[in-house]
N, C-alpha and C. Protein backbone atom coordinates (compact mmCIF):
# COMPACT_ATOMS: atom_id res chain seq x y z
N ASP A 1 29.35 -36.04 38.91
CA ASP A 1 28.19 -35.98 38.04
C ASP A 1 27.67 -37.39 37.77
N ARG A 2 26.44 -37.46 37.28
CA ARG A 2 25.79 -38.76 37.06
C ARG A 2 26.52 -39.60 36.02
N ASP A 3 27.15 -38.95 35.03
CA ASP A 3 27.87 -39.71 34.00
C ASP A 3 29.06 -40.45 34.60
N LEU A 4 29.77 -39.82 35.52
CA LEU A 4 30.89 -40.49 36.17
C LEU A 4 30.39 -41.66 37.01
N SER A 5 29.29 -41.45 37.71
CA SER A 5 28.70 -42.54 38.49
C SER A 5 28.34 -43.71 37.59
N LYS A 6 27.72 -43.41 36.45
CA LYS A 6 27.34 -44.44 35.50
C LYS A 6 28.57 -45.20 35.01
N LEU A 7 29.62 -44.46 34.70
CA LEU A 7 30.86 -45.08 34.23
C LEU A 7 31.45 -46.01 35.28
N LEU A 8 31.48 -45.57 36.54
CA LEU A 8 32.03 -46.41 37.60
C LEU A 8 31.25 -47.71 37.76
N VAL A 9 29.94 -47.62 37.70
CA VAL A 9 29.10 -48.82 37.82
C VAL A 9 29.36 -49.76 36.64
N GLN A 10 29.43 -49.21 35.44
CA GLN A 10 29.67 -50.04 34.26
C GLN A 10 31.06 -50.67 34.28
N LEU A 11 32.06 -49.91 34.70
CA LEU A 11 33.41 -50.46 34.80
C LEU A 11 33.47 -51.58 35.83
N GLY A 12 32.82 -51.36 36.97
CA GLY A 12 32.80 -52.40 38.00
C GLY A 12 32.15 -53.67 37.50
N ALA A 13 31.04 -53.54 36.79
CA ALA A 13 30.36 -54.71 36.24
C ALA A 13 31.23 -55.40 35.20
N GLY A 14 31.86 -54.62 34.36
CA GLY A 14 32.73 -55.19 33.33
C GLY A 14 33.94 -55.88 33.94
N ALA A 15 34.49 -55.30 34.98
CA ALA A 15 35.68 -55.86 35.63
C ALA A 15 35.40 -57.22 36.24
N ALA A 16 34.17 -57.43 36.67
CA ALA A 16 33.81 -58.71 37.26
C ALA A 16 33.83 -59.83 36.22
N ALA A 17 33.60 -59.48 34.97
CA ALA A 17 33.53 -60.48 33.91
C ALA A 17 34.79 -60.53 33.04
N ASP A 18 35.62 -59.51 33.13
CA ASP A 18 36.79 -59.41 32.25
C ASP A 18 38.05 -59.28 33.11
N GLU A 19 38.82 -60.37 33.20
CA GLU A 19 39.98 -60.39 34.09
C GLU A 19 41.00 -59.29 33.80
N PRO A 20 41.40 -59.05 32.54
CA PRO A 20 42.37 -57.97 32.28
C PRO A 20 41.82 -56.60 32.72
N LEU A 21 40.55 -56.36 32.47
CA LEU A 21 39.95 -55.10 32.91
C LEU A 21 39.95 -55.03 34.44
N GLY A 22 39.64 -56.15 35.08
CA GLY A 22 39.64 -56.19 36.54
C GLY A 22 41.01 -55.85 37.11
N HIS A 23 42.06 -56.42 36.51
CA HIS A 23 43.42 -56.11 36.97
C HIS A 23 43.77 -54.64 36.75
N ALA A 24 43.40 -54.11 35.60
CA ALA A 24 43.69 -52.71 35.30
C ALA A 24 42.97 -51.79 36.28
N LEU A 25 41.70 -52.09 36.58
CA LEU A 25 40.96 -51.27 37.53
C LEU A 25 41.53 -51.39 38.94
N SER A 26 41.93 -52.59 39.30
CA SER A 26 42.53 -52.80 40.61
C SER A 26 43.80 -51.96 40.76
N GLU A 27 44.59 -51.93 39.72
CA GLU A 27 45.82 -51.12 39.75
C GLU A 27 45.49 -49.64 39.86
N ARG A 28 44.50 -49.19 39.10
CA ARG A 28 44.12 -47.77 39.14
C ARG A 28 43.55 -47.40 40.50
N PHE A 29 42.72 -48.27 41.07
CA PHE A 29 42.16 -47.98 42.39
C PHE A 29 43.25 -48.02 43.47
N GLY A 30 44.29 -48.80 43.25
CA GLY A 30 45.44 -48.77 44.16
C GLY A 30 46.09 -47.39 44.17
N GLN A 31 46.17 -46.77 43.00
CA GLN A 31 46.71 -45.42 42.91
C GLN A 31 45.79 -44.42 43.61
N VAL A 32 44.49 -44.61 43.44
CA VAL A 32 43.52 -43.74 44.13
C VAL A 32 43.67 -43.89 45.64
N GLN A 33 43.86 -45.13 46.10
CA GLN A 33 44.04 -45.38 47.53
C GLN A 33 45.29 -44.66 48.06
N GLU A 34 46.38 -44.71 47.31
CA GLU A 34 47.60 -44.02 47.72
C GLU A 34 47.38 -42.51 47.81
N GLU A 35 46.69 -41.96 46.83
CA GLU A 35 46.41 -40.51 46.84
C GLU A 35 45.51 -40.14 48.02
N LEU A 36 44.52 -40.97 48.31
CA LEU A 36 43.64 -40.72 49.44
C LEU A 36 44.43 -40.78 50.74
N SER A 37 45.32 -41.73 50.87
CA SER A 37 46.15 -41.85 52.08
C SER A 37 47.02 -40.62 52.27
N THR A 38 47.60 -40.14 51.19
CA THR A 38 48.43 -38.92 51.25
C THR A 38 47.58 -37.73 51.67
N THR A 39 46.40 -37.63 51.10
CA THR A 39 45.50 -36.52 51.44
C THR A 39 45.07 -36.59 52.90
N LEU A 40 44.76 -37.80 53.38
CA LEU A 40 44.35 -37.96 54.78
C LEU A 40 45.48 -37.60 55.74
N ARG A 41 46.71 -37.98 55.42
CA ARG A 41 47.84 -37.63 56.28
C ARG A 41 48.01 -36.12 56.36
N ALA A 42 47.91 -35.45 55.23
CA ALA A 42 48.04 -33.99 55.21
C ALA A 42 46.90 -33.33 55.99
N TRP A 43 45.68 -33.85 55.82
CA TRP A 43 44.52 -33.29 56.52
C TRP A 43 44.68 -33.47 58.02
N ALA A 44 45.14 -34.64 58.45
CA ALA A 44 45.34 -34.90 59.88
C ALA A 44 46.36 -33.94 60.45
N GLN A 45 47.46 -33.76 59.75
CA GLN A 45 48.51 -32.86 60.25
C GLN A 45 47.99 -31.43 60.33
N GLU A 46 47.27 -31.00 59.32
CA GLU A 46 46.74 -29.64 59.29
C GLU A 46 45.72 -29.39 60.40
N ASN A 47 45.03 -30.45 60.84
CA ASN A 47 43.98 -30.31 61.85
C ASN A 47 44.39 -30.86 63.21
N SER A 48 45.68 -31.07 63.40
CA SER A 48 46.23 -31.54 64.67
C SER A 48 45.57 -32.83 65.16
N LEU A 49 45.35 -33.76 64.23
CA LEU A 49 44.75 -35.05 64.56
C LEU A 49 45.83 -36.13 64.48
N ASP A 50 45.60 -37.21 65.19
CA ASP A 50 46.53 -38.34 65.16
C ASP A 50 46.50 -38.96 63.76
N PRO A 51 47.60 -38.87 63.01
CA PRO A 51 47.60 -39.38 61.64
C PRO A 51 47.30 -40.87 61.55
N ASP A 52 47.74 -41.66 62.52
CA ASP A 52 47.47 -43.10 62.49
C ASP A 52 45.98 -43.38 62.63
N LYS A 53 45.32 -42.63 63.51
CA LYS A 53 43.88 -42.83 63.70
C LYS A 53 43.12 -42.42 62.45
N VAL A 54 43.48 -41.29 61.89
CA VAL A 54 42.80 -40.81 60.69
C VAL A 54 43.06 -41.75 59.52
N GLN A 55 44.28 -42.23 59.41
CA GLN A 55 44.63 -43.12 58.31
C GLN A 55 43.80 -44.40 58.32
N SER A 56 43.41 -44.83 59.51
CA SER A 56 42.63 -46.06 59.59
C SER A 56 41.23 -45.91 58.99
N TYR A 57 40.83 -44.70 58.68
CA TYR A 57 39.51 -44.46 58.10
C TYR A 57 39.52 -44.36 56.59
N ASP A 58 40.65 -44.66 55.96
CA ASP A 58 40.70 -44.54 54.50
C ASP A 58 39.73 -45.50 53.83
N GLN A 59 39.55 -46.70 54.40
CA GLN A 59 38.58 -47.65 53.82
C GLN A 59 37.16 -47.11 53.93
N LEU A 60 36.86 -46.51 55.07
CA LEU A 60 35.53 -45.92 55.25
C LEU A 60 35.30 -44.83 54.22
N MET A 61 36.29 -43.98 54.02
CA MET A 61 36.12 -42.89 53.06
C MET A 61 35.96 -43.42 51.64
N ARG A 62 36.73 -44.45 51.28
CA ARG A 62 36.57 -45.03 49.94
C ARG A 62 35.16 -45.59 49.77
N GLY A 63 34.68 -46.24 50.83
CA GLY A 63 33.32 -46.78 50.77
C GLY A 63 32.28 -45.69 50.62
N LEU A 64 32.46 -44.59 51.33
CA LEU A 64 31.52 -43.48 51.22
C LEU A 64 31.55 -42.87 49.82
N ILE A 65 32.75 -42.72 49.28
CA ILE A 65 32.89 -42.12 47.94
C ILE A 65 32.27 -43.03 46.88
N LEU A 66 32.63 -44.31 46.91
CA LEU A 66 32.09 -45.23 45.92
C LEU A 66 30.59 -45.45 46.11
N GLY A 67 30.16 -45.51 47.37
CA GLY A 67 28.74 -45.65 47.64
C GLY A 67 27.94 -44.48 47.12
N PHE A 68 28.49 -43.29 47.25
CA PHE A 68 27.84 -42.09 46.73
C PHE A 68 27.67 -42.20 45.22
N ALA A 69 28.77 -42.56 44.54
CA ALA A 69 28.74 -42.63 43.08
C ALA A 69 27.74 -43.67 42.59
N VAL A 70 27.75 -44.84 43.20
CA VAL A 70 26.86 -45.91 42.76
C VAL A 70 25.41 -45.57 43.04
N GLN A 71 25.13 -45.07 44.24
CA GLN A 71 23.74 -44.76 44.58
C GLN A 71 23.20 -43.62 43.73
N ARG A 72 24.06 -42.65 43.44
CA ARG A 72 23.61 -41.52 42.61
C ARG A 72 23.16 -42.02 41.23
N TYR A 73 23.80 -43.06 40.75
CA TYR A 73 23.44 -43.61 39.44
C TYR A 73 22.24 -44.56 39.52
N LEU A 74 22.21 -45.41 40.53
CA LEU A 74 21.21 -46.47 40.57
C LEU A 74 19.90 -46.11 41.24
N ILE A 75 19.91 -45.14 42.13
CA ILE A 75 18.71 -44.82 42.92
C ILE A 75 18.15 -43.47 42.47
N GLU A 76 16.99 -43.53 41.87
CA GLU A 76 16.37 -42.31 41.30
C GLU A 76 16.15 -41.23 42.36
N SER A 77 15.73 -41.64 43.56
CA SER A 77 15.40 -40.66 44.61
C SER A 77 16.57 -40.41 45.56
N PHE A 78 17.79 -40.73 45.14
CA PHE A 78 18.97 -40.57 46.00
C PHE A 78 19.12 -39.10 46.41
N ASP A 79 19.25 -38.87 47.70
CA ASP A 79 19.37 -37.52 48.26
C ASP A 79 20.85 -37.21 48.50
N GLU A 80 21.47 -36.58 47.53
CA GLU A 80 22.90 -36.30 47.60
C GLU A 80 23.26 -35.43 48.81
N ASP A 81 22.49 -34.39 49.06
CA ASP A 81 22.80 -33.48 50.16
C ASP A 81 22.77 -34.18 51.51
N THR A 82 21.77 -35.03 51.72
CA THR A 82 21.68 -35.76 52.99
C THR A 82 22.82 -36.76 53.12
N TYR A 83 23.16 -37.44 52.04
CA TYR A 83 24.28 -38.39 52.06
C TYR A 83 25.57 -37.67 52.44
N ILE A 84 25.82 -36.54 51.83
CA ILE A 84 27.04 -35.78 52.13
C ILE A 84 27.03 -35.30 53.58
N ALA A 85 25.91 -34.75 54.02
CA ALA A 85 25.81 -34.25 55.40
C ALA A 85 26.04 -35.38 56.40
N ASN A 86 25.41 -36.53 56.16
CA ASN A 86 25.58 -37.66 57.07
C ASN A 86 27.00 -38.21 57.04
N SER A 87 27.61 -38.22 55.87
CA SER A 87 29.00 -38.67 55.76
C SER A 87 29.93 -37.76 56.54
N LEU A 88 29.73 -36.46 56.43
CA LEU A 88 30.57 -35.51 57.17
C LEU A 88 30.36 -35.66 58.67
N GLU A 89 29.12 -35.88 59.07
CA GLU A 89 28.83 -36.09 60.49
C GLU A 89 29.52 -37.36 60.99
N LEU A 90 29.45 -38.41 60.22
CA LEU A 90 30.10 -39.66 60.59
C LEU A 90 31.61 -39.46 60.73
N MET A 91 32.21 -38.78 59.79
CA MET A 91 33.66 -38.55 59.85
C MET A 91 34.01 -37.69 61.05
N ALA A 92 33.19 -36.73 61.40
CA ALA A 92 33.45 -35.89 62.57
C ALA A 92 33.43 -36.73 63.84
N ILE A 93 32.50 -37.65 63.94
CA ILE A 93 32.41 -38.54 65.10
C ILE A 93 33.64 -39.42 65.16
N GLU A 94 34.04 -39.97 64.03
CA GLU A 94 35.11 -40.95 63.99
C GLU A 94 36.49 -40.35 64.25
N THR A 95 36.68 -39.06 64.03
CA THR A 95 37.99 -38.46 64.21
C THR A 95 38.16 -37.80 65.57
N LYS A 96 37.14 -37.84 66.42
CA LYS A 96 37.24 -37.24 67.75
C LYS A 96 37.98 -38.16 68.70
């Protein structure tokens, strides 16, 4: 939702100026990264994909997720459906 997007943008801005907040967010995002990696490994196994190849896309997925949240908040005309469709298409290409 837009409120979560707004929160992420505000936290990111605050973290750039507040070192303790930056460290706390970095630690929390490290946990998110671990959860995403676990999810990607399970998804790869379930879909008979090479887990090492799929795992290498965790940075791309984080970028897509964070990019979605930020753009949804900052860009009035942001087209969520097209962003999601294009992201899924990109991931389909990358996992073949």
